[in-house]
Amino acid sequence: EDSPYLIAGVLDISIGGTLIIDAGSVLVFETSSSGINVNSGGQLLVTGDLNNRVVLKAHDDEGTWSGIVFGAGSAPGLFGDTMNYVSGSLIQYADIVRAG
């Protein structure tokens, strides 16, 4: 409801932490060093859907942001036999724009 979210620094997701970005959210990264770091034991869930995508983008049309970094030991996405999501990081229906 409060979207867009302005991100001035780095969102660090550490051990046991989860960042959930819901469908329809817009995250605007203000500087080229702004971004998302998924550290050891952390997970990122970007849960857009077909009609309500998530947008991660730079502050302006000329700039960039640092992007998403999955560090060693970050929780990988795990899926079951029928490709159903089980656990770990997941990015679905997201537009990642001008990540550098």
N, C-alpha and C. Protein backbone atom coordinates (compact mmCIF):
# COMPACT_ATOMS: atom_id res chain seq x y z
N GLU A 1 0.80 -1.20 0.00
CA GLU A 1 0.00 0.00 0.00
C GLU A 1 0.85 1.27 0.00
N ASP A 2 2.07 1.20 0.56
CA ASP A 2 2.93 2.37 0.65
C ASP A 2 3.90 2.48 -0.52
N SER A 3 3.76 1.66 -1.51
CA SER A 3 4.67 1.62 -2.65
C SER A 3 4.55 2.90 -3.46
N PRO A 4 5.60 3.46 -4.02
CA PRO A 4 6.95 2.88 -4.10
C PRO A 4 7.75 3.09 -2.83
N TYR A 5 8.67 2.16 -2.60
CA TYR A 5 9.59 2.23 -1.47
C TYR A 5 10.92 2.76 -1.98
N LEU A 6 11.43 3.81 -1.37
CA LEU A 6 12.72 4.37 -1.75
C LEU A 6 13.80 3.75 -0.88
N ILE A 7 14.81 3.16 -1.52
CA ILE A 7 15.89 2.47 -0.82
C ILE A 7 17.17 3.29 -1.03
N ALA A 8 17.69 3.85 0.07
CA ALA A 8 18.87 4.71 -0.02
C ALA A 8 20.17 3.95 0.17
N GLY A 9 20.13 2.77 0.75
CA GLY A 9 21.35 2.01 1.02
C GLY A 9 21.21 0.58 0.55
N VAL A 10 21.79 -0.31 1.33
CA VAL A 10 21.77 -1.74 1.00
C VAL A 10 20.86 -2.46 1.99
N LEU A 11 19.96 -3.27 1.47
CA LEU A 11 19.14 -4.13 2.31
C LEU A 11 19.92 -5.42 2.52
N ASP A 12 20.39 -5.63 3.75
CA ASP A 12 21.16 -6.84 4.08
C ASP A 12 20.24 -7.85 4.75
N ILE A 13 20.15 -9.03 4.16
CA ILE A 13 19.35 -10.11 4.73
C ILE A 13 20.34 -11.12 5.31
N SER A 14 20.33 -11.27 6.63
CA SER A 14 21.33 -12.12 7.26
C SER A 14 20.71 -13.43 7.75
N ILE A 15 21.50 -14.22 8.45
CA ILE A 15 21.11 -15.56 8.88
C ILE A 15 19.75 -15.54 9.58
N GLY A 16 18.88 -16.40 9.11
CA GLY A 16 17.54 -16.51 9.67
C GLY A 16 16.58 -15.44 9.19
N GLY A 17 17.06 -14.47 8.42
CA GLY A 17 16.22 -13.37 7.95
C GLY A 17 15.58 -13.67 6.61
N THR A 18 14.40 -13.10 6.42
CA THR A 18 13.68 -13.22 5.15
C THR A 18 13.13 -11.86 4.78
N LEU A 19 13.39 -11.42 3.56
CA LEU A 19 12.77 -10.22 3.02
C LEU A 19 11.70 -10.67 2.04
N ILE A 20 10.46 -10.27 2.31
CA ILE A 20 9.34 -10.61 1.43
C ILE A 20 8.90 -9.33 0.72
N ILE A 21 8.89 -9.37 -0.60
CA ILE A 21 8.43 -8.26 -1.41
C ILE A 21 7.16 -8.74 -2.12
N ASP A 22 6.04 -8.16 -1.74
CA ASP A 22 4.74 -8.62 -2.21
C ASP A 22 4.41 -8.14 -3.62
N ALA A 23 3.48 -8.83 -4.24
CA ALA A 23 2.99 -8.49 -5.57
C ALA A 23 2.58 -7.02 -5.62
N GLY A 24 2.94 -6.36 -6.72
CA GLY A 24 2.57 -4.97 -6.92
C GLY A 24 3.52 -3.96 -6.31
N SER A 25 4.48 -4.42 -5.52
CA SER A 25 5.43 -3.50 -4.88
C SER A 25 6.41 -2.94 -5.90
N VAL A 26 6.80 -1.68 -5.68
CA VAL A 26 7.82 -1.03 -6.49
C VAL A 26 8.91 -0.57 -5.54
N LEU A 27 10.14 -1.05 -5.74
CA LEU A 27 11.30 -0.61 -4.97
C LEU A 27 12.17 0.23 -5.87
N VAL A 28 12.47 1.44 -5.42
CA VAL A 28 13.27 2.38 -6.19
C VAL A 28 14.59 2.58 -5.43
N PHE A 29 15.69 2.22 -6.07
CA PHE A 29 17.01 2.31 -5.45
C PHE A 29 17.63 3.63 -5.85
N GLU A 30 17.97 4.44 -4.82
CA GLU A 30 18.34 5.84 -5.05
C GLU A 30 19.76 6.06 -5.57
N THR A 31 20.68 5.14 -5.30
CA THR A 31 22.07 5.34 -5.73
C THR A 31 22.60 4.09 -6.40
N SER A 32 23.74 4.23 -7.07
CA SER A 32 24.35 3.08 -7.74
C SER A 32 24.87 2.04 -6.76
N SER A 33 25.04 2.42 -5.49
CA SER A 33 25.49 1.45 -4.48
C SER A 33 24.33 0.86 -3.68
N SER A 34 23.11 1.29 -3.94
CA SER A 34 21.94 0.72 -3.28
C SER A 34 21.63 -0.65 -3.88
N GLY A 35 21.16 -1.57 -3.06
CA GLY A 35 20.83 -2.89 -3.57
C GLY A 35 20.34 -3.82 -2.49
N ILE A 36 20.36 -5.11 -2.82
CA ILE A 36 19.93 -6.16 -1.89
C ILE A 36 21.04 -7.19 -1.80
N ASN A 37 21.48 -7.48 -0.59
CA ASN A 37 22.46 -8.54 -0.33
C ASN A 37 21.79 -9.65 0.46
N VAL A 38 21.77 -10.85 -0.10
CA VAL A 38 21.24 -12.01 0.60
C VAL A 38 22.44 -12.78 1.13
N ASN A 39 22.68 -12.66 2.43
CA ASN A 39 23.85 -13.26 3.05
C ASN A 39 23.59 -14.69 3.49
N SER A 40 24.60 -15.34 4.02
CA SER A 40 24.52 -16.72 4.47
C SER A 40 23.33 -16.92 5.40
N GLY A 41 22.48 -17.87 5.06
CA GLY A 41 21.32 -18.20 5.87
C GLY A 41 20.12 -17.30 5.66
N GLY A 42 20.23 -16.32 4.77
CA GLY A 42 19.11 -15.42 4.48
C GLY A 42 18.35 -15.86 3.25
N GLN A 43 17.14 -15.33 3.11
CA GLN A 43 16.37 -15.65 1.91
C GLN A 43 15.56 -14.44 1.45
N LEU A 44 15.34 -14.39 0.16
CA LEU A 44 14.58 -13.32 -0.49
C LEU A 44 13.38 -13.94 -1.20
N LEU A 45 12.19 -13.42 -0.90
CA LEU A 45 10.97 -13.89 -1.55
C LEU A 45 10.33 -12.71 -2.27
N VAL A 46 10.38 -12.74 -3.59
CA VAL A 46 9.74 -11.73 -4.43
C VAL A 46 8.54 -12.42 -5.04
N THR A 47 7.34 -12.03 -4.59
CA THR A 47 6.15 -12.81 -4.91
C THR A 47 5.16 -12.05 -5.78
N GLY A 48 5.64 -11.61 -6.93
CA GLY A 48 4.73 -11.00 -7.90
C GLY A 48 3.85 -12.06 -8.53
N ASP A 49 2.84 -11.60 -9.26
CA ASP A 49 2.04 -12.54 -10.02
C ASP A 49 1.81 -11.99 -11.42
N LEU A 50 1.17 -12.76 -12.26
CA LEU A 50 1.04 -12.43 -13.67
C LEU A 50 0.44 -11.04 -13.89
N ASN A 51 -0.52 -10.66 -13.09
CA ASN A 51 -1.21 -9.38 -13.28
C ASN A 51 -0.76 -8.29 -12.31
N ASN A 52 0.19 -8.60 -11.45
CA ASN A 52 0.62 -7.66 -10.42
C ASN A 52 2.10 -7.88 -10.13
N ARG A 53 2.94 -7.47 -11.08
CA ARG A 53 4.37 -7.72 -11.02
C ARG A 53 5.04 -6.86 -9.96
N VAL A 54 6.20 -7.29 -9.52
CA VAL A 54 7.07 -6.50 -8.65
C VAL A 54 8.07 -5.77 -9.56
N VAL A 55 8.40 -4.52 -9.22
CA VAL A 55 9.37 -3.75 -10.00
C VAL A 55 10.51 -3.32 -9.06
N LEU A 56 11.73 -3.64 -9.46
CA LEU A 56 12.94 -3.20 -8.76
C LEU A 56 13.72 -2.37 -9.76
N LYS A 57 13.93 -1.08 -9.46
CA LYS A 57 14.52 -0.21 -10.48
C LYS A 57 15.36 0.90 -9.87
N ALA A 58 16.14 1.54 -10.73
CA ALA A 58 16.95 2.69 -10.35
C ALA A 58 16.06 3.92 -10.19
N HIS A 59 16.58 4.90 -9.48
CA HIS A 59 15.84 6.12 -9.16
C HIS A 59 15.43 6.90 -10.40
N ASP A 60 16.27 6.89 -11.43
CA ASP A 60 15.92 7.62 -12.65
C ASP A 60 16.28 6.77 -13.86
N ASP A 61 15.86 7.24 -15.02
CA ASP A 61 16.04 6.46 -16.25
C ASP A 61 17.49 6.35 -16.70
N GLU A 62 18.37 7.20 -16.19
CA GLU A 62 19.78 7.18 -16.57
C GLU A 62 20.66 6.42 -15.58
N GLY A 63 20.18 6.24 -14.36
CA GLY A 63 21.01 5.65 -13.30
C GLY A 63 20.94 4.14 -13.24
N THR A 64 21.75 3.59 -12.37
CA THR A 64 21.73 2.15 -12.11
C THR A 64 21.69 1.94 -10.60
N TRP A 65 21.48 0.72 -10.20
CA TRP A 65 21.60 0.31 -8.79
C TRP A 65 22.41 -0.96 -8.78
N SER A 66 22.87 -1.38 -7.60
CA SER A 66 23.85 -2.48 -7.58
C SER A 66 23.25 -3.85 -7.84
N GLY A 67 21.94 -4.01 -7.72
CA GLY A 67 21.31 -5.28 -8.02
C GLY A 67 21.12 -6.15 -6.79
N ILE A 68 20.94 -7.44 -7.04
CA ILE A 68 20.73 -8.43 -5.99
C ILE A 68 21.94 -9.34 -5.97
N VAL A 69 22.56 -9.49 -4.81
CA VAL A 69 23.72 -10.36 -4.64
C VAL A 69 23.35 -11.49 -3.70
N PHE A 70 23.46 -12.72 -4.20
CA PHE A 70 23.24 -13.90 -3.38
C PHE A 70 24.61 -14.40 -2.93
N GLY A 71 24.91 -14.22 -1.65
CA GLY A 71 26.21 -14.63 -1.12
C GLY A 71 26.29 -16.12 -0.88
N ALA A 72 27.52 -16.58 -0.64
CA ALA A 72 27.74 -18.00 -0.32
C ALA A 72 26.92 -18.36 0.91
N GLY A 73 26.20 -19.44 0.84
CA GLY A 73 25.41 -19.91 1.97
C GLY A 73 24.02 -19.32 2.04
N SER A 74 23.65 -18.44 1.09
CA SER A 74 22.27 -17.94 1.08
C SER A 74 21.35 -19.11 0.68
N ALA A 75 20.11 -19.04 1.13
CA ALA A 75 19.19 -20.16 0.94
C ALA A 75 18.71 -20.25 -0.51
N PRO A 76 19.12 -21.30 -1.25
CA PRO A 76 18.64 -21.44 -2.63
C PRO A 76 17.17 -21.86 -2.65
N GLY A 77 16.50 -21.57 -3.75
CA GLY A 77 15.11 -22.00 -3.90
C GLY A 77 15.03 -23.51 -4.06
N LEU A 78 14.14 -24.12 -3.30
CA LEU A 78 13.92 -25.56 -3.38
C LEU A 78 12.48 -25.82 -3.82
N PHE A 79 12.34 -26.78 -4.73
CA PHE A 79 11.04 -27.09 -5.29
C PHE A 79 10.79 -28.59 -5.18
N GLY A 80 9.52 -28.96 -4.99
CA GLY A 80 9.14 -30.36 -4.87
C GLY A 80 9.02 -31.03 -6.23
N ASP A 81 8.57 -32.27 -6.19
CA ASP A 81 8.46 -33.09 -7.41
C ASP A 81 7.55 -32.49 -8.46
N THR A 82 6.53 -31.75 -8.05
CA THR A 82 5.60 -31.15 -9.00
C THR A 82 5.92 -29.67 -9.23
N MET A 83 7.16 -29.29 -8.95
CA MET A 83 7.67 -27.93 -9.11
C MET A 83 6.96 -26.92 -8.20
N ASN A 84 6.40 -27.41 -7.09
CA ASN A 84 5.82 -26.51 -6.12
C ASN A 84 6.93 -25.96 -5.21
N TYR A 85 6.82 -24.69 -4.86
CA TYR A 85 7.82 -24.04 -4.02
C TYR A 85 7.81 -24.67 -2.62
N VAL A 86 9.02 -24.98 -2.11
CA VAL A 86 9.15 -25.58 -0.79
C VAL A 86 9.80 -24.58 0.18
N SER A 87 10.96 -24.04 -0.19
CA SER A 87 11.65 -23.11 0.71
C SER A 87 12.78 -22.41 -0.04
N GLY A 88 13.41 -21.45 0.64
CA GLY A 88 14.56 -20.75 0.08
C GLY A 88 14.15 -19.51 -0.70
N SER A 89 15.12 -18.93 -1.39
CA SER A 89 14.88 -17.69 -2.14
C SER A 89 14.08 -17.96 -3.41
N LEU A 90 13.25 -16.98 -3.77
CA LEU A 90 12.38 -17.11 -4.92
C LEU A 90 12.13 -15.73 -5.51
N ILE A 91 12.26 -15.60 -6.81
CA ILE A 91 11.87 -14.38 -7.51
C ILE A 91 10.93 -14.78 -8.62
N GLN A 92 9.68 -14.31 -8.54
CA GLN A 92 8.71 -14.64 -9.58
C GLN A 92 7.96 -13.40 -10.00
N TYR A 93 7.73 -13.28 -11.29
CA TYR A 93 7.02 -12.15 -11.88
C TYR A 93 7.57 -10.82 -11.39
N ALA A 94 8.83 -10.59 -11.67
CA ALA A 94 9.50 -9.35 -11.26
C ALA A 94 10.22 -8.73 -12.45
N ASP A 95 10.18 -7.41 -12.51
CA ASP A 95 10.94 -6.66 -13.49
C ASP A 95 12.12 -6.03 -12.76
N ILE A 96 13.33 -6.47 -13.10
CA ILE A 96 14.55 -5.95 -12.50
C ILE A 96 15.19 -5.04 -13.54
N VAL A 97 15.14 -3.73 -13.27
CA VAL A 97 15.45 -2.73 -14.28
C VAL A 97 16.71 -1.96 -13.89
N ARG A 98 17.68 -1.89 -14.82
CA ARG A 98 18.90 -1.10 -14.70
C ARG A 98 19.77 -1.48 -13.50
N ALA A 99 19.80 -2.77 -13.19
CA ALA A 99 20.73 -3.25 -12.13
C ALA A 99 22.12 -3.33 -12.74
N GLY A 100 23.11 -2.84 -12.00
CA GLY A 100 24.45 -2.75 -12.58
C GLY A 100 25.40 -3.76 -12.13
